[in-house]
Amino acid sequence: MRTTVNIDDHLLAEAKVAAARGHRSLGDVIDDALRVALTPRHPSEPSRRAVELPVDGNGGLQPGVDLENGASLAAALEDDRPFGAPS
C-alpha cells in the first residue's frame, strides 16, 4: 500500500543505508522495523536478558577503596591486582 509519512531525516538516512547493505528495498526495511515495534511483548518475557555478576560473597567495600577519594578510586580501578592484595 502506498502512503505518505514524515520520517526524521536521520532515521530515513539510516534506513536507506540498511536497505542498501542488505540489498533490500527501503519499504521492506521499514516494514520490518514496524513489525518489530508493533509486536506485543508478553509481561512474563523479560525485555532484557538477566546478567549475573560475579561476587566474592563478603559484601561491602573492599579494603583500600575510598569512595570519597577520586584519585585512589581511579588507581584501584586501574590496578590489575585483587583488592586488598599487597603492593
N, C-alpha and C. Protein backbone atom coordinates (compact mmCIF):
# COMPACT_ATOMS: atom_id res chain seq x y z
N MET A 1 0.84 -1.17 0.00
CA MET A 1 0.00 0.00 0.00
C MET A 1 0.89 1.24 0.00
N ARG A 2 0.55 2.19 -0.77
CA ARG A 2 1.31 3.42 -0.85
C ARG A 2 0.69 4.45 0.11
N THR A 3 1.57 5.11 0.87
CA THR A 3 1.12 6.16 1.78
C THR A 3 2.25 7.17 1.95
N THR A 4 1.94 8.29 2.54
CA THR A 4 2.93 9.33 2.79
C THR A 4 3.07 9.54 4.29
N VAL A 5 4.30 9.50 4.77
CA VAL A 5 4.57 9.74 6.19
C VAL A 5 5.75 10.68 6.30
N ASN A 6 5.84 11.38 7.42
CA ASN A 6 7.00 12.22 7.71
C ASN A 6 7.94 11.41 8.61
N ILE A 7 9.17 11.25 8.17
CA ILE A 7 10.17 10.48 8.91
C ILE A 7 11.36 11.40 9.19
N ASP A 8 11.88 11.29 10.38
CA ASP A 8 13.06 12.05 10.77
C ASP A 8 14.17 11.82 9.74
N ASP A 9 14.83 12.88 9.32
CA ASP A 9 15.87 12.78 8.29
C ASP A 9 16.96 11.77 8.64
N HIS A 10 17.39 11.79 9.89
CA HIS A 10 18.46 10.89 10.33
C HIS A 10 18.00 9.43 10.25
N LEU A 11 16.76 9.16 10.71
CA LEU A 11 16.25 7.79 10.66
C LEU A 11 16.09 7.32 9.22
N LEU A 12 15.64 8.21 8.35
CA LEU A 12 15.48 7.84 6.95
C LEU A 12 16.83 7.50 6.32
N ALA A 13 17.84 8.30 6.64
CA ALA A 13 19.18 8.04 6.12
C ALA A 13 19.69 6.68 6.60
N GLU A 14 19.48 6.37 7.89
CA GLU A 14 19.91 5.08 8.43
C GLU A 14 19.15 3.93 7.77
N ALA A 15 17.86 4.12 7.54
CA ALA A 15 17.06 3.08 6.89
C ALA A 15 17.54 2.84 5.46
N LYS A 16 17.90 3.90 4.76
CA LYS A 16 18.40 3.76 3.39
C LYS A 16 19.73 3.01 3.37
N VAL A 17 20.59 3.29 4.34
CA VAL A 17 21.87 2.59 4.43
C VAL A 17 21.63 1.11 4.72
N ALA A 18 20.70 0.82 5.66
CA ALA A 18 20.39 -0.58 5.99
C ALA A 18 19.83 -1.30 4.76
N ALA A 19 19.00 -0.63 4.00
CA ALA A 19 18.43 -1.23 2.80
C ALA A 19 19.52 -1.53 1.78
N ALA A 20 20.42 -0.59 1.57
CA ALA A 20 21.49 -0.79 0.59
C ALA A 20 22.42 -1.92 1.03
N ARG A 21 22.76 -1.96 2.32
CA ARG A 21 23.65 -3.02 2.81
C ARG A 21 23.02 -4.40 2.67
N GLY A 22 21.71 -4.47 2.86
CA GLY A 22 21.03 -5.75 2.79
C GLY A 22 20.47 -6.06 1.42
N HIS A 23 20.76 -5.19 0.45
CA HIS A 23 20.24 -5.38 -0.91
C HIS A 23 18.72 -5.55 -0.87
N ARG A 24 18.07 -4.66 -0.12
CA ARG A 24 16.62 -4.71 0.05
C ARG A 24 16.04 -3.36 -0.29
N SER A 25 14.74 -3.31 -0.43
CA SER A 25 14.09 -2.03 -0.69
C SER A 25 13.89 -1.29 0.62
N LEU A 26 13.78 0.02 0.52
CA LEU A 26 13.53 0.84 1.70
C LEU A 26 12.21 0.44 2.34
N GLY A 27 11.20 0.15 1.53
CA GLY A 27 9.91 -0.28 2.06
C GLY A 27 10.00 -1.54 2.89
N ASP A 28 10.83 -2.51 2.44
CA ASP A 28 11.00 -3.75 3.20
C ASP A 28 11.64 -3.50 4.56
N VAL A 29 12.63 -2.61 4.58
CA VAL A 29 13.30 -2.28 5.85
C VAL A 29 12.32 -1.62 6.80
N ILE A 30 11.52 -0.69 6.30
CA ILE A 30 10.54 0.00 7.14
C ILE A 30 9.46 -0.98 7.60
N ASP A 31 9.01 -1.88 6.71
CA ASP A 31 8.03 -2.90 7.11
C ASP A 31 8.56 -3.73 8.28
N ASP A 32 9.82 -4.18 8.18
CA ASP A 32 10.41 -5.00 9.25
C ASP A 32 10.51 -4.22 10.55
N ALA A 33 10.90 -2.96 10.46
CA ALA A 33 11.02 -2.13 11.66
C ALA A 33 9.66 -1.94 12.34
N LEU A 34 8.63 -1.74 11.54
CA LEU A 34 7.29 -1.59 12.11
C LEU A 34 6.80 -2.89 12.74
N ARG A 35 7.11 -4.03 12.10
CA ARG A 35 6.71 -5.32 12.68
C ARG A 35 7.34 -5.50 14.07
N VAL A 36 8.61 -5.17 14.18
CA VAL A 36 9.29 -5.30 15.48
C VAL A 36 8.68 -4.34 16.50
N ALA A 37 8.45 -3.11 16.09
CA ALA A 37 7.91 -2.10 17.01
C ALA A 37 6.48 -2.43 17.45
N LEU A 38 5.71 -3.07 16.59
CA LEU A 38 4.29 -3.32 16.89
C LEU A 38 4.01 -4.71 17.43
N THR A 39 5.03 -5.54 17.55
CA THR A 39 4.83 -6.88 18.10
C THR A 39 4.63 -6.77 19.60
N PRO A 40 3.47 -7.27 20.09
CA PRO A 40 3.23 -7.16 21.53
C PRO A 40 4.20 -8.03 22.32
N ARG A 41 4.63 -7.51 23.42
CA ARG A 41 5.51 -8.27 24.32
C ARG A 41 4.69 -8.77 25.48
N HIS A 42 4.94 -10.00 25.85
CA HIS A 42 4.22 -10.57 26.98
C HIS A 42 4.90 -10.12 28.26
N PRO A 43 4.11 -9.74 29.29
CA PRO A 43 4.72 -9.28 30.55
C PRO A 43 5.65 -10.31 31.18
N SER A 44 5.42 -11.59 30.91
CA SER A 44 6.27 -12.61 31.52
C SER A 44 7.64 -12.70 30.83
N GLU A 45 7.76 -12.13 29.62
CA GLU A 45 9.03 -12.17 28.91
C GLU A 45 9.90 -10.98 29.32
N PRO A 46 11.09 -11.24 29.83
CA PRO A 46 11.95 -10.10 30.17
C PRO A 46 12.40 -9.38 28.90
N SER A 47 12.41 -8.05 28.96
CA SER A 47 12.82 -7.29 27.79
C SER A 47 14.33 -7.36 27.60
N ARG A 48 15.04 -7.68 28.66
CA ARG A 48 16.49 -7.84 28.58
C ARG A 48 16.89 -9.14 29.25
N ARG A 49 17.96 -9.68 28.77
CA ARG A 49 18.47 -10.92 29.36
C ARG A 49 19.10 -10.60 30.72
N ALA A 50 18.82 -11.42 31.71
CA ALA A 50 19.39 -11.21 33.04
C ALA A 50 20.90 -11.41 33.00
N VAL A 51 21.61 -10.59 33.74
CA VAL A 51 23.06 -10.67 33.80
C VAL A 51 23.45 -11.04 35.22
N GLU A 52 24.29 -12.05 35.35
CA GLU A 52 24.77 -12.45 36.65
C GLU A 52 26.17 -11.92 36.86
N LEU A 53 26.36 -11.12 37.89
CA LEU A 53 27.67 -10.55 38.16
C LEU A 53 28.40 -11.39 39.20
N PRO A 54 29.70 -11.60 39.01
CA PRO A 54 30.45 -12.38 40.00
C PRO A 54 30.61 -11.60 41.29
N VAL A 55 30.49 -12.29 42.39
CA VAL A 55 30.68 -11.67 43.70
C VAL A 55 31.57 -12.58 44.54
N ASP A 56 32.25 -11.98 45.54
CA ASP A 56 33.11 -12.80 46.38
C ASP A 56 32.39 -13.27 47.63
N GLY A 57 31.18 -12.79 47.86
CA GLY A 57 30.40 -13.25 48.99
C GLY A 57 30.58 -12.46 50.26
N ASN A 58 31.60 -11.59 50.33
CA ASN A 58 31.85 -10.84 51.56
C ASN A 58 30.96 -9.62 51.67
N GLY A 59 30.62 -9.00 50.55
CA GLY A 59 29.77 -7.82 50.57
C GLY A 59 30.53 -6.60 51.05
N GLY A 60 29.98 -5.44 50.82
CA GLY A 60 30.59 -4.20 51.26
C GLY A 60 31.78 -3.80 50.42
N LEU A 61 32.40 -2.72 50.80
CA LEU A 61 33.58 -2.23 50.10
C LEU A 61 34.79 -3.10 50.40
N GLN A 62 35.65 -3.24 49.42
CA GLN A 62 36.89 -3.98 49.60
C GLN A 62 37.89 -3.09 50.34
N PRO A 63 38.83 -3.68 51.06
CA PRO A 63 39.84 -2.89 51.77
C PRO A 63 40.61 -2.01 50.81
N GLY A 64 40.85 -0.77 51.21
CA GLY A 64 41.63 0.15 50.40
C GLY A 64 40.80 0.96 49.42
N VAL A 65 39.51 0.74 49.34
CA VAL A 65 38.66 1.51 48.44
C VAL A 65 38.01 2.63 49.22
N ASP A 66 38.27 3.86 48.81
CA ASP A 66 37.70 5.04 49.45
C ASP A 66 36.87 5.78 48.41
N LEU A 67 35.56 5.69 48.52
CA LEU A 67 34.67 6.31 47.53
C LEU A 67 34.73 7.83 47.57
N GLU A 68 35.26 8.40 48.63
CA GLU A 68 35.37 9.86 48.75
C GLU A 68 36.65 10.39 48.10
N ASN A 69 37.58 9.50 47.75
CA ASN A 69 38.85 9.92 47.18
C ASN A 69 38.93 9.45 45.73
N GLY A 70 38.64 10.35 44.80
CA GLY A 70 38.59 10.00 43.38
C GLY A 70 39.90 9.45 42.85
N ALA A 71 41.02 10.02 43.28
CA ALA A 71 42.32 9.58 42.78
C ALA A 71 42.63 8.16 43.21
N SER A 72 42.36 7.84 44.48
CA SER A 72 42.65 6.49 44.95
C SER A 72 41.67 5.49 44.34
N LEU A 73 40.43 5.91 44.09
CA LEU A 73 39.46 5.03 43.45
C LEU A 73 39.88 4.74 42.02
N ALA A 74 40.33 5.77 41.30
CA ALA A 74 40.81 5.58 39.93
C ALA A 74 42.01 4.65 39.90
N ALA A 75 42.92 4.83 40.86
CA ALA A 75 44.10 3.96 40.93
C ALA A 75 43.68 2.52 41.20
N ALA A 76 42.70 2.32 42.07
CA ALA A 76 42.25 0.97 42.39
C ALA A 76 41.60 0.32 41.17
N LEU A 77 40.89 1.10 40.38
CA LEU A 77 40.24 0.55 39.19
C LEU A 77 41.25 0.19 38.11
N GLU A 78 42.37 0.90 38.06
CA GLU A 78 43.40 0.63 37.05
C GLU A 78 44.33 -0.51 37.48
N ASP A 79 44.35 -0.82 38.75
CA ASP A 79 45.24 -1.85 39.29
C ASP A 79 44.71 -3.24 38.93
N ASP A 80 45.55 -4.10 38.38
CA ASP A 80 45.12 -5.46 37.99
C ASP A 80 45.09 -6.42 39.18
N ARG A 81 45.72 -6.03 40.27
CA ARG A 81 45.75 -6.92 41.42
C ARG A 81 44.40 -6.91 42.13
N PRO A 82 44.02 -8.01 42.78
CA PRO A 82 42.77 -8.03 43.53
C PRO A 82 42.84 -7.02 44.67
N PHE A 83 41.68 -6.46 45.03
CA PHE A 83 41.64 -5.50 46.14
C PHE A 83 42.16 -6.16 47.41
N GLY A 84 42.95 -5.40 48.17
CA GLY A 84 43.48 -5.91 49.41
C GLY A 84 44.76 -6.69 49.26
N ALA A 85 45.18 -6.98 48.01
CA ALA A 85 46.44 -7.72 47.82
C ALA A 85 47.60 -6.81 48.13
N PRO A 86 48.68 -7.34 48.67
CA PRO A 86 49.84 -6.49 48.99
C PRO A 86 50.41 -5.83 47.73
N SER A 87 50.96 -4.63 47.90
CA SER A 87 51.52 -3.88 46.77
C SER A 87 52.76 -4.50 46.22
